[in-house]
Amino acid sequence: MKATKKAYEFTVEITSTGYSAYNNAYAIATTGKSITHLREAAFEALQLAFEEEEVRISKSKLILTVDLKQFFQYYRVLNAKFIAERVGIHPTLFSQYVQGKKKPSTKQTNKILEGIHEIGKELCELRFN
């Protein structure tokens, strides 16, 4: 069985029941109630798609991509202007990302994601009296 070095990108959409993901290049689609479940389902679907070709795919080669516009529409509780300031991106540019007018670079996307993760960690550590 051959190991592949290629990365497989799935576009993630947020649905009323969880998440869906698809890869247009290989006509693969799946769903999951959580991102963790979605990742497992996408990996399983990818393995099934290449089963006959005897290609071994590593989980590290699976990339899940979420559209920023849809993310901020779904998680309206997150303040885009606050996140922009927190991660050091000009609010006008960030607004263009959120509206889908511009696509952030991989570096900018990682910066945004790290900022959101930091906020999530801080919220998890909070306790109310």
N, C-alpha and C. Protein backbone atom coordinates (compact mmCIF):
# COMPACT_ATOMS: atom_id res chain seq x y z
N MET A 1 0.85 -1.18 0.00
CA MET A 1 0.00 0.00 0.00
C MET A 1 0.89 1.24 0.00
N LYS A 2 0.60 2.17 -0.91
CA LYS A 2 1.39 3.38 -1.05
C LYS A 2 0.86 4.47 -0.11
N ALA A 3 1.78 5.17 0.54
CA ALA A 3 1.40 6.33 1.35
C ALA A 3 1.39 7.56 0.44
N THR A 4 0.43 8.41 0.63
CA THR A 4 0.34 9.62 -0.18
C THR A 4 0.90 10.82 0.59
N LYS A 5 1.51 11.73 -0.14
CA LYS A 5 2.02 12.96 0.46
C LYS A 5 1.06 14.13 0.20
N LYS A 6 0.05 13.86 -0.59
CA LYS A 6 -0.90 14.89 -0.99
C LYS A 6 -1.83 15.24 0.18
N ALA A 7 -2.20 16.52 0.27
CA ALA A 7 -3.18 16.96 1.26
C ALA A 7 -4.56 16.97 0.62
N TYR A 8 -5.57 16.67 1.41
CA TYR A 8 -6.95 16.62 0.93
C TYR A 8 -7.77 17.63 1.72
N GLU A 9 -8.25 18.64 1.01
CA GLU A 9 -8.98 19.72 1.66
C GLU A 9 -10.48 19.51 1.55
N PHE A 10 -11.16 19.64 2.68
CA PHE A 10 -12.61 19.57 2.74
C PHE A 10 -13.14 20.93 3.16
N THR A 11 -14.15 21.40 2.48
CA THR A 11 -14.81 22.64 2.85
C THR A 11 -15.90 22.31 3.85
N VAL A 12 -15.88 23.00 4.98
CA VAL A 12 -16.82 22.74 6.07
C VAL A 12 -17.93 23.77 6.04
N GLU A 13 -19.14 23.30 6.22
CA GLU A 13 -20.30 24.18 6.34
C GLU A 13 -20.98 23.87 7.66
N ILE A 14 -21.48 24.90 8.29
CA ILE A 14 -22.20 24.75 9.55
C ILE A 14 -23.68 24.56 9.21
N THR A 15 -24.28 23.52 9.76
CA THR A 15 -25.69 23.22 9.49
C THR A 15 -26.49 23.29 10.79
N SER A 16 -27.79 23.16 10.69
CA SER A 16 -28.63 23.21 11.88
C SER A 16 -28.45 21.97 12.76
N THR A 17 -27.89 20.91 12.21
CA THR A 17 -27.68 19.67 12.97
C THR A 17 -26.23 19.38 13.28
N GLY A 18 -25.34 20.27 12.90
CA GLY A 18 -23.91 20.06 13.14
C GLY A 18 -23.09 20.65 12.02
N TYR A 19 -22.38 19.78 11.31
CA TYR A 19 -21.48 20.22 10.25
C TYR A 19 -21.56 19.29 9.05
N SER A 20 -21.25 19.83 7.90
CA SER A 20 -21.08 19.00 6.70
C SER A 20 -19.74 19.40 6.08
N ALA A 21 -19.16 18.47 5.33
CA ALA A 21 -17.89 18.74 4.66
C ALA A 21 -17.89 18.05 3.31
N TYR A 22 -17.24 18.70 2.35
CA TYR A 22 -17.16 18.10 1.03
C TYR A 22 -15.81 18.41 0.39
N ASN A 23 -15.42 17.50 -0.49
CA ASN A 23 -14.22 17.65 -1.30
C ASN A 23 -14.67 17.50 -2.74
N ASN A 24 -14.67 18.61 -3.47
CA ASN A 24 -15.16 18.59 -4.86
C ASN A 24 -14.29 17.77 -5.79
N ALA A 25 -12.99 17.79 -5.57
CA ALA A 25 -12.07 17.10 -6.47
C ALA A 25 -12.33 15.59 -6.54
N TYR A 26 -12.78 15.01 -5.43
CA TYR A 26 -13.01 13.56 -5.38
C TYR A 26 -14.47 13.20 -5.12
N ALA A 27 -15.36 14.19 -5.19
CA ALA A 27 -16.80 13.99 -4.99
C ALA A 27 -17.09 13.24 -3.69
N ILE A 28 -16.50 13.74 -2.61
CA ILE A 28 -16.69 13.14 -1.29
C ILE A 28 -17.44 14.13 -0.42
N ALA A 29 -18.46 13.64 0.28
CA ALA A 29 -19.21 14.48 1.21
C ALA A 29 -19.55 13.66 2.45
N THR A 30 -19.63 14.36 3.59
CA THR A 30 -19.97 13.69 4.85
C THR A 30 -20.53 14.70 5.83
N THR A 31 -21.00 14.21 6.97
CA THR A 31 -21.55 15.08 8.01
C THR A 31 -21.05 14.63 9.38
N GLY A 32 -21.21 15.51 10.36
CA GLY A 32 -20.86 15.18 11.73
C GLY A 32 -21.52 16.13 12.70
N LYS A 33 -21.78 15.65 13.91
CA LYS A 33 -22.42 16.48 14.92
C LYS A 33 -21.44 17.45 15.57
N SER A 34 -20.16 17.13 15.49
CA SER A 34 -19.11 17.99 16.02
C SER A 34 -17.96 18.01 15.02
N ILE A 35 -17.05 18.94 15.20
CA ILE A 35 -15.87 19.00 14.32
C ILE A 35 -15.05 17.71 14.46
N THR A 36 -14.92 17.21 15.68
CA THR A 36 -14.18 15.97 15.90
C THR A 36 -14.82 14.82 15.14
N HIS A 37 -16.14 14.69 15.25
CA HIS A 37 -16.86 13.64 14.53
C HIS A 37 -16.74 13.85 13.02
N LEU A 38 -16.84 15.10 12.59
CA LEU A 38 -16.74 15.41 11.16
C LEU A 38 -15.37 15.02 10.61
N ARG A 39 -14.32 15.32 11.36
CA ARG A 39 -12.97 14.96 10.93
C ARG A 39 -12.83 13.44 10.77
N GLU A 40 -13.37 12.70 11.73
CA GLU A 40 -13.32 11.23 11.64
C GLU A 40 -14.11 10.72 10.44
N ALA A 41 -15.30 11.28 10.23
CA ALA A 41 -16.15 10.86 9.11
C ALA A 41 -15.50 11.20 7.76
N ALA A 42 -14.87 12.37 7.67
CA ALA A 42 -14.20 12.78 6.43
C ALA A 42 -13.00 11.87 6.15
N PHE A 43 -12.27 11.53 7.20
CA PHE A 43 -11.11 10.64 7.04
C PHE A 43 -11.57 9.26 6.57
N GLU A 44 -12.63 8.77 7.17
CA GLU A 44 -13.17 7.45 6.78
C GLU A 44 -13.65 7.48 5.33
N ALA A 45 -14.34 8.55 4.94
CA ALA A 45 -14.83 8.68 3.56
C ALA A 45 -13.67 8.75 2.58
N LEU A 46 -12.62 9.45 2.96
CA LEU A 46 -11.43 9.58 2.12
C LEU A 46 -10.76 8.22 1.94
N GLN A 47 -10.65 7.46 3.03
CA GLN A 47 -10.06 6.13 2.95
C GLN A 47 -10.89 5.21 2.03
N LEU A 48 -12.20 5.29 2.15
CA LEU A 48 -13.07 4.48 1.29
C LEU A 48 -12.91 4.85 -0.18
N ALA A 49 -12.77 6.13 -0.45
CA ALA A 49 -12.62 6.61 -1.83
C ALA A 49 -11.36 6.07 -2.49
N PHE A 50 -10.31 5.82 -1.70
CA PHE A 50 -9.04 5.37 -2.25
C PHE A 50 -8.74 3.90 -1.92
N GLU A 51 -9.70 3.21 -1.41
CA GLU A 51 -9.52 1.82 -0.99
C GLU A 51 -9.05 0.92 -2.13
N GLU A 52 -9.68 1.02 -3.28
CA GLU A 52 -9.32 0.15 -4.41
C GLU A 52 -7.95 0.48 -4.99
N GLU A 53 -7.52 1.73 -4.85
CA GLU A 53 -6.22 2.14 -5.37
C GLU A 53 -5.09 1.78 -4.41
N GLU A 54 -5.45 1.26 -3.26
CA GLU A 54 -4.49 0.86 -2.23
C GLU A 54 -3.56 2.01 -1.85
N VAL A 55 -4.16 3.17 -1.57
CA VAL A 55 -3.43 4.35 -1.14
C VAL A 55 -3.67 4.54 0.35
N ARG A 56 -2.60 4.69 1.11
CA ARG A 56 -2.72 4.93 2.54
C ARG A 56 -2.68 6.44 2.79
N ILE A 57 -3.68 6.93 3.49
CA ILE A 57 -3.78 8.36 3.75
C ILE A 57 -3.61 8.62 5.24
N SER A 58 -2.76 9.57 5.56
CA SER A 58 -2.52 9.95 6.95
C SER A 58 -3.56 10.99 7.38
N LYS A 59 -3.98 10.93 8.64
CA LYS A 59 -4.94 11.92 9.15
C LYS A 59 -4.36 13.33 9.06
N SER A 60 -3.05 13.44 9.10
CA SER A 60 -2.42 14.77 9.02
C SER A 60 -2.59 15.39 7.64
N LYS A 61 -2.96 14.59 6.64
CA LYS A 61 -3.16 15.09 5.28
C LYS A 61 -4.58 15.57 5.03
N LEU A 62 -5.44 15.47 6.05
CA LEU A 62 -6.81 15.92 5.96
C LEU A 62 -6.91 17.34 6.49
N ILE A 63 -7.40 18.24 5.64
CA ILE A 63 -7.51 19.66 6.01
C ILE A 63 -8.98 20.06 5.96
N LEU A 64 -9.48 20.59 7.08
CA LEU A 64 -10.85 21.10 7.13
C LEU A 64 -10.80 22.61 7.08
N THR A 65 -11.52 23.20 6.12
CA THR A 65 -11.52 24.64 5.93
C THR A 65 -12.92 25.19 6.13
N VAL A 66 -13.03 26.19 7.01
CA VAL A 66 -14.32 26.83 7.27
C VAL A 66 -14.30 28.23 6.66
N ASP A 67 -15.36 28.58 5.99
CA ASP A 67 -15.51 29.90 5.40
C ASP A 67 -15.73 30.93 6.51
N LEU A 68 -14.91 31.98 6.55
CA LEU A 68 -15.03 32.99 7.60
C LEU A 68 -16.40 33.67 7.59
N LYS A 69 -16.91 33.95 6.43
CA LYS A 69 -18.22 34.62 6.33
C LYS A 69 -19.29 33.78 7.02
N GLN A 70 -19.34 32.51 6.69
CA GLN A 70 -20.34 31.63 7.28
C GLN A 70 -20.09 31.46 8.79
N PHE A 71 -18.84 31.37 9.18
CA PHE A 71 -18.49 31.21 10.59
C PHE A 71 -19.05 32.36 11.42
N PHE A 72 -18.82 33.58 10.97
CA PHE A 72 -19.29 34.74 11.73
C PHE A 72 -20.80 34.95 11.63
N GLN A 73 -21.41 34.44 10.57
CA GLN A 73 -22.88 34.48 10.48
C GLN A 73 -23.48 33.52 11.50
N TYR A 74 -22.86 32.36 11.65
CA TYR A 74 -23.37 31.36 12.57
C TYR A 74 -23.08 31.72 14.03
N TYR A 75 -21.86 32.17 14.29
CA TYR A 75 -21.45 32.53 15.65
C TYR A 75 -21.54 34.05 15.81
N ARG A 76 -22.76 34.55 15.72
CA ARG A 76 -22.98 35.99 15.80
C ARG A 76 -22.59 36.57 17.15
N VAL A 77 -22.46 35.73 18.15
CA VAL A 77 -22.07 36.19 19.48
C VAL A 77 -20.62 36.71 19.47
N LEU A 78 -19.83 36.29 18.50
CA LEU A 78 -18.45 36.76 18.39
C LEU A 78 -18.42 38.12 17.70
N ASN A 79 -17.71 39.05 18.29
CA ASN A 79 -17.60 40.40 17.76
C ASN A 79 -16.38 40.47 16.84
N ALA A 80 -16.63 40.60 15.55
CA ALA A 80 -15.55 40.60 14.56
C ALA A 80 -14.57 41.75 14.79
N LYS A 81 -15.07 42.91 15.15
CA LYS A 81 -14.20 44.06 15.37
C LYS A 81 -13.26 43.81 16.55
N PHE A 82 -13.79 43.23 17.61
CA PHE A 82 -12.97 42.91 18.78
C PHE A 82 -11.89 41.90 18.42
N ILE A 83 -12.27 40.85 17.69
CA ILE A 83 -11.30 39.83 17.29
C ILE A 83 -10.23 40.43 16.39
N ALA A 84 -10.63 41.29 15.47
CA ALA A 84 -9.67 41.94 14.58
C ALA A 84 -8.62 42.71 15.38
N GLU A 85 -9.09 43.50 16.34
CA GLU A 85 -8.16 44.27 17.16
C GLU A 85 -7.27 43.35 18.00
N ARG A 86 -7.86 42.30 18.50
CA ARG A 86 -7.12 41.37 19.36
C ARG A 86 -6.00 40.65 18.61
N VAL A 87 -6.25 40.30 17.36
CA VAL A 87 -5.24 39.56 16.59
C VAL A 87 -4.35 40.47 15.75
N GLY A 88 -4.63 41.78 15.77
CA GLY A 88 -3.76 42.72 15.08
C GLY A 88 -4.03 42.87 13.59
N ILE A 89 -5.28 42.70 13.19
CA ILE A 89 -5.67 42.90 11.79
C ILE A 89 -6.56 44.14 11.74
N HIS A 90 -6.32 45.01 10.79
CA HIS A 90 -7.11 46.23 10.67
C HIS A 90 -8.59 45.86 10.57
N PRO A 91 -9.46 46.49 11.38
CA PRO A 91 -10.88 46.15 11.38
C PRO A 91 -11.56 46.22 10.01
N THR A 92 -11.16 47.17 9.16
CA THR A 92 -11.76 47.27 7.83
C THR A 92 -11.41 46.06 6.99
N LEU A 93 -10.14 45.64 7.04
CA LEU A 93 -9.71 44.46 6.30
C LEU A 93 -10.42 43.21 6.84
N PHE A 94 -10.50 43.12 8.16
CA PHE A 94 -11.16 41.98 8.78
C PHE A 94 -12.64 41.92 8.36
N SER A 95 -13.27 43.07 8.30
CA SER A 95 -14.66 43.16 7.87
C SER A 95 -14.81 42.64 6.44
N GLN A 96 -13.85 42.93 5.59
CA GLN A 96 -13.89 42.43 4.22
C GLN A 96 -13.76 40.91 4.19
N TYR A 97 -12.96 40.36 5.10
CA TYR A 97 -12.85 38.90 5.20
C TYR A 97 -14.19 38.31 5.61
N VAL A 98 -14.80 38.90 6.64
CA VAL A 98 -16.06 38.40 7.19
C VAL A 98 -17.20 38.51 6.17
N GLN A 99 -17.18 39.55 5.37
CA GLN A 99 -18.23 39.74 4.36
C GLN A 99 -17.97 38.91 3.10
N GLY A 100 -16.83 38.27 3.01
CA GLY A 100 -16.50 37.45 1.85
C GLY A 100 -15.99 38.25 0.67
N LYS A 101 -15.67 39.54 0.88
CA LYS A 101 -15.17 40.37 -0.21
C LYS A 101 -13.70 40.10 -0.52
N LYS A 102 -12.96 39.68 0.52
CA LYS A 102 -11.56 39.31 0.36
C LYS A 102 -11.32 38.00 1.08
N LYS A 103 -10.34 37.26 0.59
CA LYS A 103 -9.98 35.98 1.21
C LYS A 103 -8.65 36.16 1.94
N PRO A 104 -8.61 35.83 3.24
CA PRO A 104 -7.36 35.99 3.97
C PRO A 104 -6.31 34.96 3.53
N SER A 105 -5.05 35.35 3.65
CA SER A 105 -3.96 34.42 3.36
C SER A 105 -3.95 33.32 4.43
N THR A 106 -3.18 32.30 4.20
CA THR A 106 -3.05 31.22 5.18
C THR A 106 -2.52 31.78 6.49
N LYS A 107 -1.57 32.69 6.42
CA LYS A 107 -1.00 33.30 7.63
C LYS A 107 -2.07 34.07 8.40
N GLN A 108 -2.85 34.87 7.69
CA GLN A 108 -3.92 35.65 8.33
C GLN A 108 -4.99 34.72 8.92
N THR A 109 -5.33 33.67 8.18
CA THR A 109 -6.33 32.71 8.65
C THR A 109 -5.86 32.06 9.94
N ASN A 110 -4.61 31.66 9.98
CA ASN A 110 -4.06 31.05 11.19
C ASN A 110 -4.06 32.03 12.36
N LYS A 111 -3.75 33.27 12.08
CA LYS A 111 -3.75 34.32 13.11
C LYS A 111 -5.16 34.48 13.69
N ILE A 112 -6.16 34.50 12.83
CA ILE A 112 -7.56 34.64 13.26
C ILE A 112 -7.97 33.42 14.08
N LEU A 113 -7.65 32.25 13.59
CA LEU A 113 -8.02 31.02 14.27
C LEU A 113 -7.36 30.92 15.64
N GLU A 114 -6.09 31.27 15.71
CA GLU A 114 -5.38 31.26 17.00
C GLU A 114 -6.04 32.23 17.98
N GLY A 115 -6.44 33.41 17.50
CA GLY A 115 -7.11 34.38 18.35
C GLY A 115 -8.44 33.86 18.88
N ILE A 116 -9.19 33.22 18.02
CA ILE A 116 -10.48 32.65 18.44
C ILE A 116 -10.24 31.52 19.45
N HIS A 117 -9.23 30.69 19.21
CA HIS A 117 -8.92 29.61 20.15
C HIS A 117 -8.50 30.18 21.51
N GLU A 118 -7.71 31.24 21.51
CA GLU A 118 -7.30 31.86 22.78
C GLU A 118 -8.51 32.36 23.56
N ILE A 119 -9.44 33.00 22.86
CA ILE A 119 -10.66 33.49 23.52
C ILE A 119 -11.44 32.31 24.10
N GLY A 120 -11.55 31.24 23.33
CA GLY A 120 -12.25 30.04 23.80
C GLY A 120 -11.60 29.45 25.04
N LYS A 121 -10.27 29.38 25.06
CA LYS A 121 -9.56 28.86 26.23
C LYS A 121 -9.80 29.75 27.45
N GLU A 122 -9.75 31.06 27.25
CA GLU A 122 -10.00 31.99 28.35
C GLU A 122 -11.40 31.80 28.91
N LEU A 123 -12.38 31.64 28.02
CA LEU A 123 -13.76 31.44 28.46
C LEU A 123 -13.92 30.14 29.23
N CYS A 124 -13.21 29.10 28.81
CA CYS A 124 -13.28 27.81 29.49
C CYS A 124 -12.69 27.88 30.91
N GLU A 125 -11.75 28.77 31.11
CA GLU A 125 -11.09 28.89 32.41
C GLU A 125 -11.87 29.77 33.39
N LEU A 126 -12.87 30.49 32.92
CA LEU A 126 -13.65 31.38 33.79
C LEU A 126 -14.57 30.60 34.72
N ARG A 127 -14.76 31.15 35.91
CA ARG A 127 -15.73 30.62 36.87
C ARG A 127 -16.49 31.79 37.45
N PHE A 128 -17.79 31.63 37.62
CA PHE A 128 -18.62 32.66 38.23
C PHE A 128 -18.90 32.29 39.68
N ASN A 129 -18.99 33.31 40.54
CA ASN A 129 -19.32 33.08 41.96
C ASN A 129 -20.81 32.98 42.14
